[in-house]
């Protein structure tokens, strides 16, 4: 495959990506234009269209940010192709170069490979830190039953303790949202954590362009300030993906409140909620597990056997 004609991502490319994702509805949380756009600088993403597939990759990510699973320091980082036959495109790319790894590959694609070919040609590594958590929307909104007792307590504590106002994301509320994100980052000492620093930049990219990107967001305000915020969008016809959710630590139950009010007010009829991955962070893993996912969207890394 000739990668010379690849493009960097800009807002003008949204229609191209949206068309592919509409035609081939994704399960992976990575595959919305919002997510790819807000993280484009971190990954140094490039894309091109090839044989009716959307190819998204980075020349530099495995050199600068992440240890290659294959041990090949020259490997290029590819997302799974988006199109009618991703396994054939993966095979073609892998056959043409040793210097490539495919990351975030879902089981649906791996299961489409001929098993003899896969076992003979490809190495596979589990990518547990990037598995997506998927929930029954009705369950995590109602929080009924004993298994949600703790989440329900935190939610009720917030609702009973504070005189709050729930608002959707607008030009007026986006600045309050950015103020909370900055304060959250100061409290979490983001300057000492490259991952949190990069997340801050990605969030600002999304918020600064929220009208064009077209996602839905909301904030909870108390005494004129922002106590919690979130934003997300439809990943596929049945599933909402939550890109970001933050709450001020001084308001007990803020995370439970923004999650609950966002679903009830903005997406009351959605069937499933994808709350993305935990990245191997213990606190995130505990929080996401506390909402009792009904499914984990498993992902793997694949590359050519040497």
C-alpha atoms as a PDB file:
ATOM      1  CA  UNK A   1       0.000   0.000   0.000  1.00  0.00           C
ATOM      2  CA  UNK A   2       1.248   3.451  -0.904  1.00  0.00           C
ATOM      3  CA  UNK A   3       0.858   5.795   2.061  1.00  0.00           C
ATOM      4  CA  UNK A   4       2.222   8.857   0.276  1.00  0.00           C
ATOM      5  CA  UNK A   5      -1.220  10.329  -0.285  1.00  0.00           C
ATOM      6  CA  UNK A   6      -2.250  10.278   3.395  1.00  0.00           C
ATOM      7  CA  UNK A   7      -3.888  13.336   4.952  1.00  0.00           C
ATOM      8  CA  UNK A   8      -3.820  14.881   8.400  1.00  0.00           C
ATOM      9  CA  UNK A   9      -7.206  15.227  10.127  1.00  0.00           C
ATOM     10  CA  UNK A  10      -8.994  18.570   9.996  1.00  0.00           C
ATOM     11  CA  UNK A  11     -12.561  19.610  10.743  1.00  0.00           C
ATOM     12  CA  UNK A  12     -13.207  19.619   7.001  1.00  0.00           C
ATOM     13  CA  UNK A  13     -12.813  15.820   7.009  1.00  0.00           C
ATOM     14  CA  UNK A  14     -15.789  15.192   9.296  1.00  0.00           C
ATOM     15  CA  UNK A  15     -18.190  14.323   6.473  1.00  0.00           C
ATOM     16  CA  UNK A  16     -15.848  11.622   5.143  1.00  0.00           C
ATOM     17  CA  UNK A  17     -15.510   9.915   8.519  1.00  0.00           C
ATOM     18  CA  UNK A  18     -19.194  10.267   9.363  1.00  0.00           C
ATOM     19  CA  UNK A  19     -20.147   8.583   6.097  1.00  0.00           C
ATOM     20  CA  UNK A  20     -17.930   5.553   6.797  1.00  0.00           C
ATOM     21  CA  UNK A  21     -19.174   5.235  10.377  1.00  0.00           C
ATOM     22  CA  UNK A  22     -22.785   5.511   9.219  1.00  0.00           C
ATOM     23  CA  UNK A  23     -22.297   2.844   6.556  1.00  0.00           C
ATOM     24  CA  UNK A  24     -20.282   0.547   8.853  1.00  0.00           C
ATOM     25  CA  UNK A  25     -21.587   1.238  12.400  1.00  0.00           C
ATOM     26  CA  UNK A  26     -18.719   0.785  14.857  1.00  0.00           C
ATOM     27  CA  UNK A  27     -18.597  -0.948  18.219  1.00  0.00           C
ATOM     28  CA  UNK A  28     -15.205   0.506  19.179  1.00  0.00           C
ATOM     29  CA  UNK A  29     -15.433   3.722  21.191  1.00  0.00           C
ATOM     30  CA  UNK A  30     -12.513   5.152  19.198  1.00  0.00           C
ATOM     31  CA  UNK A  31     -14.546   5.389  16.022  1.00  0.00           C
ATOM     32  CA  UNK A  32     -16.302   8.712  16.124  1.00  0.00           C
ATOM     33  CA  UNK A  33     -14.891  11.729  14.365  1.00  0.00           C
ATOM     34  CA  UNK A  34     -14.997  13.652  17.664  1.00  0.00           C
ATOM     35  CA  UNK A  35     -12.725  11.140  19.370  1.00  0.00           C
ATOM     36  CA  UNK A  36     -10.264  10.931  16.486  1.00  0.00           C
ATOM     37  CA  UNK A  37     -10.187  14.704  16.036  1.00  0.00           C
ATOM     38  CA  UNK A  38      -9.622  15.559  19.688  1.00  0.00           C
ATOM     39  CA  UNK A  39      -6.765  13.030  19.953  1.00  0.00           C
ATOM     40  CA  UNK A  40      -5.296  13.615  16.488  1.00  0.00           C
ATOM     41  CA  UNK A  41      -2.277  15.568  17.705  1.00  0.00           C
ATOM     42  CA  UNK A  42      -1.431  13.091  20.460  1.00  0.00           C
ATOM     43  CA  UNK A  43      -1.412  10.183  18.004  1.00  0.00           C
ATOM     44  CA  UNK A  44      -0.197  12.300  15.043  1.00  0.00           C
ATOM     45  CA  UNK A  45      -2.961  10.648  13.044  1.00  0.00           C
ATOM     46  CA  UNK A  46      -3.066  10.346   9.272  1.00  0.00           C
ATOM     47  CA  UNK A  47      -5.763   8.855   7.084  1.00  0.00           C
ATOM     48  CA  UNK A  48      -6.492   7.828   3.531  1.00  0.00           C
ATOM     49  CA  UNK A  49      -9.164   5.998   1.589  1.00  0.00           C
ATOM     50  CA  UNK A  50      -8.077   2.705   0.028  1.00  0.00           C
ATOM     51  CA  UNK A  51     -10.209   0.148  -1.817  1.00  0.00           C
ATOM     52  CA  UNK A  52     -13.439   1.456  -0.257  1.00  0.00           C
ATOM     53  CA  UNK A  53     -11.929   1.422   3.242  1.00  0.00           C
ATOM     54  CA  UNK A  54     -10.945   4.194   5.625  1.00  0.00           C
ATOM     55  CA  UNK A  55      -7.372   3.684   6.839  1.00  0.00           C
ATOM     56  CA  UNK A  56      -6.311   5.556  10.013  1.00  0.00           C
ATOM     57  CA  UNK A  57      -2.744   5.294  11.252  1.00  0.00           C
ATOM     58  CA  UNK A  58       0.305   7.014  12.750  1.00  0.00           C
ATOM     59  CA  UNK A  59       3.938   6.893  11.701  1.00  0.00           C
ATOM     60  CA  UNK A  60       5.183   8.276  15.006  1.00  0.00           C
ATOM     61  CA  UNK A  61       2.981   7.030  17.870  1.00  0.00           C
ATOM     62  CA  UNK A  62       4.922   3.834  18.600  1.00  0.00           C
ATOM     63  CA  UNK A  63       8.214   5.698  18.344  1.00  0.00           C
ATOM     64  CA  UNK A  64       7.238   8.448  20.776  1.00  0.00           C
ATOM     65  CA  UNK A  65       4.358   7.378  23.007  1.00  0.00           C
ATOM     66  CA  UNK A  66       3.939   3.633  23.356  1.00  0.00           C
ATOM     67  CA  UNK A  67       6.181   0.576  23.416  1.00  0.00           C
ATOM     68  CA  UNK A  68       5.542  -1.538  20.299  1.00  0.00           C
ATOM     69  CA  UNK A  69       3.971  -4.900  21.117  1.00  0.00           C
ATOM     70  CA  UNK A  70       6.126  -6.501  18.429  1.00  0.00           C
ATOM     71  CA  UNK A  71       9.341  -4.960  19.739  1.00  0.00           C
ATOM     72  CA  UNK A  72       9.837  -3.325  16.337  1.00  0.00           C
ATOM     73  CA  UNK A  73      10.729   0.306  17.026  1.00  0.00           C
ATOM     74  CA  UNK A  74       9.955   1.270  13.423  1.00  0.00           C
ATOM     75  CA  UNK A  75       6.420  -0.102  13.475  1.00  0.00           C
ATOM     76  CA  UNK A  76       3.545   2.070  12.318  1.00  0.00           C
ATOM     77  CA  UNK A  77       0.406   2.196  14.467  1.00  0.00           C
ATOM     78  CA  UNK A  78      -2.813   1.318  12.639  1.00  0.00           C
ATOM     79  CA  UNK A  79      -6.411   1.292  13.782  1.00  0.00           C
ATOM     80  CA  UNK A  80      -8.593  -1.433  12.238  1.00  0.00           C
ATOM     81  CA  UNK A  81      -9.716  -0.434   8.730  1.00  0.00           C
ATOM     82  CA  UNK A  82     -13.302   0.772   8.396  1.00  0.00           C
ATOM     83  CA  UNK A  83     -15.065  -0.792   5.446  1.00  0.00           C
ATOM     84  CA  UNK A  84     -16.717  -3.907   4.046  1.00  0.00           C
ATOM     85  CA  UNK A  85     -13.785  -6.313   4.402  1.00  0.00           C
ATOM     86  CA  UNK A  86     -11.263  -5.126   7.016  1.00  0.00           C
ATOM     87  CA  UNK A  87      -9.529  -8.514   7.334  1.00  0.00           C
ATOM     88  CA  UNK A  88      -8.444  -8.465   3.687  1.00  0.00           C
ATOM     89  CA  UNK A  89      -7.067  -4.946   4.043  1.00  0.00           C
ATOM     90  CA  UNK A  90      -5.198  -5.934   7.207  1.00  0.00           C
ATOM     91  CA  UNK A  91      -3.715  -8.950   5.422  1.00  0.00           C
ATOM     92  CA  UNK A  92      -2.622  -6.810   2.502  1.00  0.00           C
ATOM     93  CA  UNK A  93      -0.952  -4.201   4.682  1.00  0.00           C
ATOM     94  CA  UNK A  94       0.765  -6.799   6.861  1.00  0.00           C
ATOM     95  CA  UNK A  95       1.996  -8.797   3.842  1.00  0.00           C
ATOM     96  CA  UNK A  96       3.509  -5.698   2.293  1.00  0.00           C
ATOM     97  CA  UNK A  97       5.469  -4.540   5.345  1.00  0.00           C
ATOM     98  CA  UNK A  98       6.864  -5.971   8.553  1.00  0.00           C
ATOM     99  CA  UNK A  99       6.748  -2.542  10.168  1.00  0.00           C
ATOM    100  CA  UNK A 100       3.100  -2.385  11.208  1.00  0.00           C
ATOM    101  CA  UNK A 101       0.906  -3.157  14.195  1.00  0.00           C
ATOM    102  CA  UNK A 102      -2.893  -3.057  14.295  1.00  0.00           C
ATOM    103  CA  UNK A 103      -4.247  -1.854  17.651  1.00  0.00           C
ATOM    104  CA  UNK A 104      -7.765  -1.792  19.169  1.00  0.00           C
ATOM    105  CA  UNK A 105      -8.785  -4.717  16.921  1.00  0.00           C
ATOM    106  CA  UNK A 106     -12.215  -5.977  18.050  1.00  0.00           C
ATOM    107  CA  UNK A 107     -13.219  -9.631  18.283  1.00  0.00           C
ATOM    108  CA  UNK A 108     -15.654  -9.137  15.410  1.00  0.00           C
ATOM    109  CA  UNK A 109     -12.730  -8.561  13.041  1.00  0.00           C
ATOM    110  CA  UNK A 110     -10.454 -11.234  14.497  1.00  0.00           C
ATOM    111  CA  UNK A 111     -13.236 -13.800  14.164  1.00  0.00           C
ATOM    112  CA  UNK A 112     -13.528 -13.013  10.448  1.00  0.00           C
ATOM    113  CA  UNK A 113      -9.984 -14.192   9.718  1.00  0.00           C
ATOM    114  CA  UNK A 114      -9.357 -17.632   8.330  1.00  0.00           C
ATOM    115  CA  UNK A 115      -8.046 -19.396  11.432  1.00  0.00           C
ATOM    116  CA  UNK A 116      -5.271 -21.262   9.595  1.00  0.00           C
ATOM    117  CA  UNK A 117      -3.981 -18.034   8.095  1.00  0.00           C
ATOM    118  CA  UNK A 118      -4.258 -16.187  11.398  1.00  0.00           C
ATOM    119  CA  UNK A 119      -2.419 -18.873  13.385  1.00  0.00           C
ATOM    120  CA  UNK A 120       0.319 -19.206  10.774  1.00  0.00           C
ATOM    121  CA  UNK A 121       0.900 -15.543  10.005  1.00  0.00           C
ATOM    122  CA  UNK A 122      -0.134 -13.358  12.918  1.00  0.00           C
ATOM    123  CA  UNK A 123       0.738 -12.740  16.538  1.00  0.00           C
ATOM    124  CA  UNK A 124      -2.020 -11.553  18.842  1.00  0.00           C
ATOM    125  CA  UNK A 125      -1.792  -9.784  22.196  1.00  0.00           C
ATOM    126  CA  UNK A 126      -4.689  -8.994  24.474  1.00  0.00           C
ATOM    127  CA  UNK A 127      -5.229  -5.261  24.996  1.00  0.00           C
ATOM    128  CA  UNK A 128      -7.246  -5.393  28.231  1.00  0.00           C
ATOM    129  CA  UNK A 129      -6.523  -1.770  29.163  1.00  0.00           C
ATOM    130  CA  UNK A 130      -8.440  -0.659  26.069  1.00  0.00           C
ATOM    131  CA  UNK A 131     -11.490  -2.898  26.351  1.00  0.00           C
ATOM    132  CA  UNK A 132     -14.698  -0.859  26.264  1.00  0.00           C
ATOM    133  CA  UNK A 133     -17.242  -1.051  29.084  1.00  0.00           C
ATOM    134  CA  UNK A 134     -20.803  -1.403  27.770  1.00  0.00           C
ATOM    135  CA  UNK A 135     -23.876  -0.958  29.999  1.00  0.00           C
ATOM    136  CA  UNK A 136     -27.619  -1.342  29.841  1.00  0.00           C
ATOM    137  CA  UNK A 137     -28.760   2.283  29.728  1.00  0.00           C
ATOM    138  CA  UNK A 138     -31.960   1.665  31.667  1.00  0.00           C
ATOM    139  CA  UNK A 139     -30.093  -0.109  34.460  1.00  0.00           C
ATOM    140  CA  UNK A 140     -27.481   2.599  35.018  1.00  0.00           C
ATOM    141  CA  UNK A 141     -30.155   5.293  34.867  1.00  0.00           C
ATOM    142  CA  UNK A 142     -32.623   3.700  37.288  1.00  0.00           C
ATOM    143  CA  UNK A 143     -29.898   2.230  39.575  1.00  0.00           C
ATOM    144  CA  UNK A 144     -32.468  -0.202  40.919  1.00  0.00           C
ATOM    145  CA  UNK A 145     -31.525  -3.197  43.036  1.00  0.00           C
ATOM    146  CA  UNK A 146     -28.876  -4.113  45.545  1.00  0.00           C
ATOM    147  CA  UNK A 147     -25.966  -4.164  43.083  1.00  0.00           C
ATOM    148  CA  UNK A 148     -26.292  -0.407  42.556  1.00  0.00           C
ATOM    149  CA  UNK A 149     -26.767   0.437  46.224  1.00  0.00           C
ATOM    150  CA  UNK A 150     -23.536   2.426  46.585  1.00  0.00           C
ATOM    151  CA  UNK A 151     -23.982   4.347  43.330  1.00  0.00           C
ATOM    152  CA  UNK A 152     -27.564   5.150  44.344  1.00  0.00           C
ATOM    153  CA  UNK A 153     -26.403   6.443  47.742  1.00  0.00           C
ATOM    154  CA  UNK A 154     -23.877   8.805  46.156  1.00  0.00           C
ATOM    155  CA  UNK A 155     -26.451  10.054  43.646  1.00  0.00           C
ATOM    156  CA  UNK A 156     -29.058  10.706  46.328  1.00  0.00           C
ATOM    157  CA  UNK A 157     -26.485  12.425  48.526  1.00  0.00           C
ATOM    158  CA  UNK A 158     -25.719  14.865  45.714  1.00  0.00           C
ATOM    159  CA  UNK A 159     -29.361  15.491  44.796  1.00  0.00           C
ATOM    160  CA  UNK A 160     -30.319  16.114  48.436  1.00  0.00           C
ATOM    161  CA  UNK A 161     -27.268  18.174  49.429  1.00  0.00           C
ATOM    162  CA  UNK A 162     -26.879  20.782  46.715  1.00  0.00           C
ATOM    163  CA  UNK A 163     -28.974  23.437  45.032  1.00  0.00           C
ATOM    164  CA  UNK A 164     -27.864  22.554  41.519  1.00  0.00           C
ATOM    165  CA  UNK A 165     -28.806  23.472  37.950  1.00  0.00           C
ATOM    166  CA  UNK A 166     -28.457  21.050  35.034  1.00  0.00           C
ATOM    167  CA  UNK A 167     -27.673  22.701  31.682  1.00  0.00           C
ATOM    168  CA  UNK A 168     -26.803  21.443  28.228  1.00  0.00           C
ATOM    169  CA  UNK A 169     -23.554  22.530  26.607  1.00  0.00           C
ATOM    170  CA  UNK A 170     -23.849  25.893  24.846  1.00  0.00           C
ATOM    171  CA  UNK A 171     -21.552  28.782  23.980  1.00  0.00           C
ATOM    172  CA  UNK A 172     -22.427  30.221  27.392  1.00  0.00           C
ATOM    173  CA  UNK A 173     -21.754  27.073  29.427  1.00  0.00           C
ATOM    174  CA  UNK A 174     -18.683  25.837  27.538  1.00  0.00           C
ATOM    175  CA  UNK A 175     -16.459  28.386  29.283  1.00  0.00           C
ATOM    176  CA  UNK A 176     -17.640  27.166  32.704  1.00  0.00           C
ATOM    177  CA  UNK A 177     -16.882  23.645  31.542  1.00  0.00           C
ATOM    178  CA  UNK A 178     -13.338  24.614  30.590  1.00  0.00           C
ATOM    179  CA  UNK A 179     -12.884  26.331  33.952  1.00  0.00           C
ATOM    180  CA  UNK A 180     -13.833  23.135  35.772  1.00  0.00           C
ATOM    181  CA  UNK A 181     -11.513  21.090  33.557  1.00  0.00           C
ATOM    182  CA  UNK A 182      -8.641  23.435  34.390  1.00  0.00           C
ATOM    183  CA  UNK A 183      -9.421  23.304  38.111  1.00  0.00           C
ATOM    184  CA  UNK A 184      -9.735  19.508  37.972  1.00  0.00           C
ATOM    185  CA  UNK A 185      -6.373  19.318  36.270  1.00  0.00           C
ATOM    186  CA  UNK A 186      -4.712  21.554  38.869  1.00  0.00           C
ATOM    187  CA  UNK A 187      -6.076  19.405  41.698  1.00  0.00           C
ATOM    188  CA  UNK A 188      -4.894  16.228  39.946  1.00  0.00           C
ATOM    189  CA  UNK A 189      -1.468  17.773  39.185  1.00  0.00           C
ATOM    190  CA  UNK A 190      -1.761  17.144  35.469  1.00  0.00           C
ATOM    191  CA  UNK A 191       1.585  18.786  34.804  1.00  0.00           C
ATOM    192  CA  UNK A 192       3.195  15.796  36.520  1.00  0.00           C
ATOM    193  CA  UNK A 193       1.293  13.258  34.403  1.00  0.00           C
ATOM    194  CA  UNK A 194       1.778  13.321  30.626  1.00  0.00           C
ATOM    195  CA  UNK A 195      -1.384  11.310  30.046  1.00  0.00           C
ATOM    196  CA  UNK A 196      -3.563  13.780  31.954  1.00  0.00           C
ATOM    197  CA  UNK A 197      -1.833  16.707  30.270  1.00  0.00           C
ATOM    198  CA  UNK A 198      -2.558  15.262  26.851  1.00  0.00           C
ATOM    199  CA  UNK A 199      -6.144  14.551  27.890  1.00  0.00           C
ATOM    200  CA  UNK A 200      -6.543  18.201  28.895  1.00  0.00           C
ATOM    201  CA  UNK A 201      -5.418  19.331  25.446  1.00  0.00           C
ATOM    202  CA  UNK A 202      -7.750  16.828  23.766  1.00  0.00           C
ATOM    203  CA  UNK A 203     -10.715  18.000  25.858  1.00  0.00           C
ATOM    204  CA  UNK A 204     -10.059  21.627  24.979  1.00  0.00           C
ATOM    205  CA  UNK A 205      -9.880  20.685  21.280  1.00  0.00           C
ATOM    206  CA  UNK A 206     -13.323  19.093  21.570  1.00  0.00           C
ATOM    207  CA  UNK A 207     -14.906  21.894  23.618  1.00  0.00           C
ATOM    208  CA  UNK A 208     -13.511  24.643  21.392  1.00  0.00           C
ATOM    209  CA  UNK A 209     -15.113  22.976  18.376  1.00  0.00           C
ATOM    210  CA  UNK A 210     -18.223  21.430  19.925  1.00  0.00           C
ATOM    211  CA  UNK A 211     -20.690  23.023  17.528  1.00  0.00           C
ATOM    212  CA  UNK A 212     -18.911  21.716  14.425  1.00  0.00           C
ATOM    213  CA  UNK A 213     -18.190  18.314  15.953  1.00  0.00           C
ATOM    214  CA  UNK A 214     -21.851  17.935  16.842  1.00  0.00           C
ATOM    215  CA  UNK A 215     -21.642  16.007  20.102  1.00  0.00           C
ATOM    216  CA  UNK A 216     -23.973  16.589  23.072  1.00  0.00           C
ATOM    217  CA  UNK A 217     -22.683  17.836  26.405  1.00  0.00           C
ATOM    218  CA  UNK A 218     -24.028  18.952  29.756  1.00  0.00           C
ATOM    219  CA  UNK A 219     -22.911  20.659  32.947  1.00  0.00           C
ATOM    220  CA  UNK A 220     -24.143  20.798  36.510  1.00  0.00           C
ATOM    221  CA  UNK A 221     -23.736  24.233  38.077  1.00  0.00           C
ATOM    222  CA  UNK A 222     -23.767  25.149  41.765  1.00  0.00           C
ATOM    223  CA  UNK A 223     -23.546  28.754  42.965  1.00  0.00           C
ATOM    224  CA  UNK A 224     -22.586  29.947  39.498  1.00  0.00           C
ATOM    225  CA  UNK A 225     -19.698  27.536  39.082  1.00  0.00           C
ATOM    226  CA  UNK A 226     -19.394  24.218  37.287  1.00  0.00           C
ATOM    227  CA  UNK A 227     -19.535  21.146  39.534  1.00  0.00           C
ATOM    228  CA  UNK A 228     -19.503  18.428  36.868  1.00  0.00           C
ATOM    229  CA  UNK A 229     -19.621  18.035  33.109  1.00  0.00           C
ATOM    230  CA  UNK A 230     -19.768  15.352  30.452  1.00  0.00           C
ATOM    231  CA  UNK A 231     -20.123  14.930  26.713  1.00  0.00           C
ATOM    232  CA  UNK A 232     -20.842  12.125  24.299  1.00  0.00           C
ATOM    233  CA  UNK A 233     -22.649  11.106  21.123  1.00  0.00           C
ATOM    234  CA  UNK A 234     -24.220   8.151  19.372  1.00  0.00           C
ATOM    235  CA  UNK A 235     -21.607   5.560  18.435  1.00  0.00           C
ATOM    236  CA  UNK A 236     -24.085   3.416  16.500  1.00  0.00           C
ATOM    237  CA  UNK A 237     -27.909   3.369  16.310  1.00  0.00           C
ATOM    238  CA  UNK A 238     -28.254   1.651  19.712  1.00  0.00           C
ATOM    239  CA  UNK A 239     -25.240   2.896  21.646  1.00  0.00           C
ATOM    240  CA  UNK A 240     -24.228   6.174  23.235  1.00  0.00           C
ATOM    241  CA  UNK A 241     -20.505   6.651  23.830  1.00  0.00           C
ATOM    242  CA  UNK A 242     -19.377   8.874  26.709  1.00  0.00           C
ATOM    243  CA  UNK A 243     -16.157  10.614  25.733  1.00  0.00           C
ATOM    244  CA  UNK A 244     -15.460  12.556  28.917  1.00  0.00           C
ATOM    245  CA  UNK A 245     -16.944  12.838  32.397  1.00  0.00           C
ATOM    246  CA  UNK A 246     -15.457  15.011  35.157  1.00  0.00           C
ATOM    247  CA  UNK A 247     -16.665  16.220  38.538  1.00  0.00           C
ATOM    248  CA  UNK A 248     -15.262  18.565  41.163  1.00  0.00           C
ATOM    249  CA  UNK A 249     -14.007  16.582  44.153  1.00  0.00           C
ATOM    250  CA  UNK A 250     -15.619  18.888  46.718  1.00  0.00           C
ATOM    251  CA  UNK A 251     -19.120  17.905  45.595  1.00  0.00           C
ATOM    252  CA  UNK A 252     -19.887  14.417  46.876  1.00  0.00           C
ATOM    253  CA  UNK A 253     -21.702  12.312  44.295  1.00  0.00           C
ATOM    254  CA  UNK A 254     -20.876  14.607  41.379  1.00  0.00           C
ATOM    255  CA  UNK A 255     -19.905  11.787  39.050  1.00  0.00           C
ATOM    256  CA  UNK A 256     -23.054   9.824  39.776  1.00  0.00           C
ATOM    257  CA  UNK A 257     -25.175  12.958  39.301  1.00  0.00           C
ATOM    258  CA  UNK A 258     -23.770  14.049  35.940  1.00  0.00           C
ATOM    259  CA  UNK A 259     -24.000  10.508  34.601  1.00  0.00           C
ATOM    260  CA  UNK A 260     -27.606  10.110  35.736  1.00  0.00           C
ATOM    261  CA  UNK A 261     -28.924  13.527  34.711  1.00  0.00           C
ATOM    262  CA  UNK A 262     -27.169  13.424  31.328  1.00  0.00           C
ATOM    263  CA  UNK A 263     -28.765  10.112  30.390  1.00  0.00           C
ATOM    264  CA  UNK A 264     -32.214  11.085  31.669  1.00  0.00           C
ATOM    265  CA  UNK A 265     -32.297  14.512  30.046  1.00  0.00           C
ATOM    266  CA  UNK A 266     -30.309  14.085  26.836  1.00  0.00           C
ATOM    267  CA  UNK A 267     -30.545  10.407  25.846  1.00  0.00           C
ATOM    268  CA  UNK A 268     -33.660   8.973  27.536  1.00  0.00           C
ATOM    269  CA  UNK A 269     -34.287   6.331  24.866  1.00  0.00           C
ATOM    270  CA  UNK A 270     -30.793   4.989  24.219  1.00  0.00           C
ATOM    271  CA  UNK A 271     -30.377   1.231  24.688  1.00  0.00           C
ATOM    272  CA  UNK A 272     -26.681   0.888  25.551  1.00  0.00           C
ATOM    273  CA  UNK A 273     -23.957   3.127  26.943  1.00  0.00           C
ATOM    274  CA  UNK A 274     -20.286   2.654  26.065  1.00  0.00           C
ATOM    275  CA  UNK A 275     -18.129   4.339  28.698  1.00  0.00           C
ATOM    276  CA  UNK A 276     -14.860   3.673  26.873  1.00  0.00           C
ATOM    277  CA  UNK A 277     -11.810   2.035  28.442  1.00  0.00           C
ATOM    278  CA  UNK A 278     -10.029   2.260  31.797  1.00  0.00           C
ATOM    279  CA  UNK A 279      -6.483   2.496  30.351  1.00  0.00           C
ATOM    280  CA  UNK A 280      -5.242   0.246  33.148  1.00  0.00           C
ATOM    281  CA  UNK A 281      -5.831   2.969  35.777  1.00  0.00           C
ATOM    282  CA  UNK A 282      -6.983   1.313  39.012  1.00  0.00           C
ATOM    283  CA  UNK A 283      -9.382   4.074  40.055  1.00  0.00           C
ATOM    284  CA  UNK A 284     -10.996   4.224  36.634  1.00  0.00           C
ATOM    285  CA  UNK A 285     -11.335   0.453  36.535  1.00  0.00           C
ATOM    286  CA  UNK A 286     -13.083   0.367  39.912  1.00  0.00           C
ATOM    287  CA  UNK A 287     -15.423   3.182  38.914  1.00  0.00           C
ATOM    288  CA  UNK A 288     -16.382   1.583  35.612  1.00  0.00           C
ATOM    289  CA  UNK A 289     -16.813  -1.850  37.187  1.00  0.00           C
ATOM    290  CA  UNK A 290     -19.079  -0.370  39.867  1.00  0.00           C
ATOM    291  CA  UNK A 291     -21.745   0.263  37.222  1.00  0.00           C
ATOM    292  CA  UNK A 292     -21.788  -3.452  36.352  1.00  0.00           C
ATOM    293  CA  UNK A 293     -21.148  -3.617  32.603  1.00  0.00           C
ATOM    294  CA  UNK A 294     -23.243  -6.123  30.701  1.00  0.00           C
ATOM    295  CA  UNK A 295     -20.476  -6.559  28.150  1.00  0.00           C
ATOM    296  CA  UNK A 296     -16.810  -5.801  27.552  1.00  0.00           C
ATOM    297  CA  UNK A 297     -15.874  -4.996  23.960  1.00  0.00           C
ATOM    298  CA  UNK A 298     -12.594  -6.884  23.817  1.00  0.00           C
ATOM    299  CA  UNK A 299      -9.726  -5.569  21.715  1.00  0.00           C
ATOM    300  CA  UNK A 300      -6.353  -6.957  20.711  1.00  0.00           C
ATOM    301  CA  UNK A 301      -3.089  -5.989  19.043  1.00  0.00           C
ATOM    302  CA  UNK A 302      -2.064  -7.995  15.988  1.00  0.00           C
ATOM    303  CA  UNK A 303       1.111  -8.003  13.895  1.00  0.00           C
ATOM    304  CA  UNK A 304       3.021 -10.278  11.549  1.00  0.00           C
ATOM    305  CA  UNK A 305       4.964 -13.202  12.943  1.00  0.00           C
ATOM    306  CA  UNK A 306       8.703 -12.980  12.400  1.00  0.00           C
END
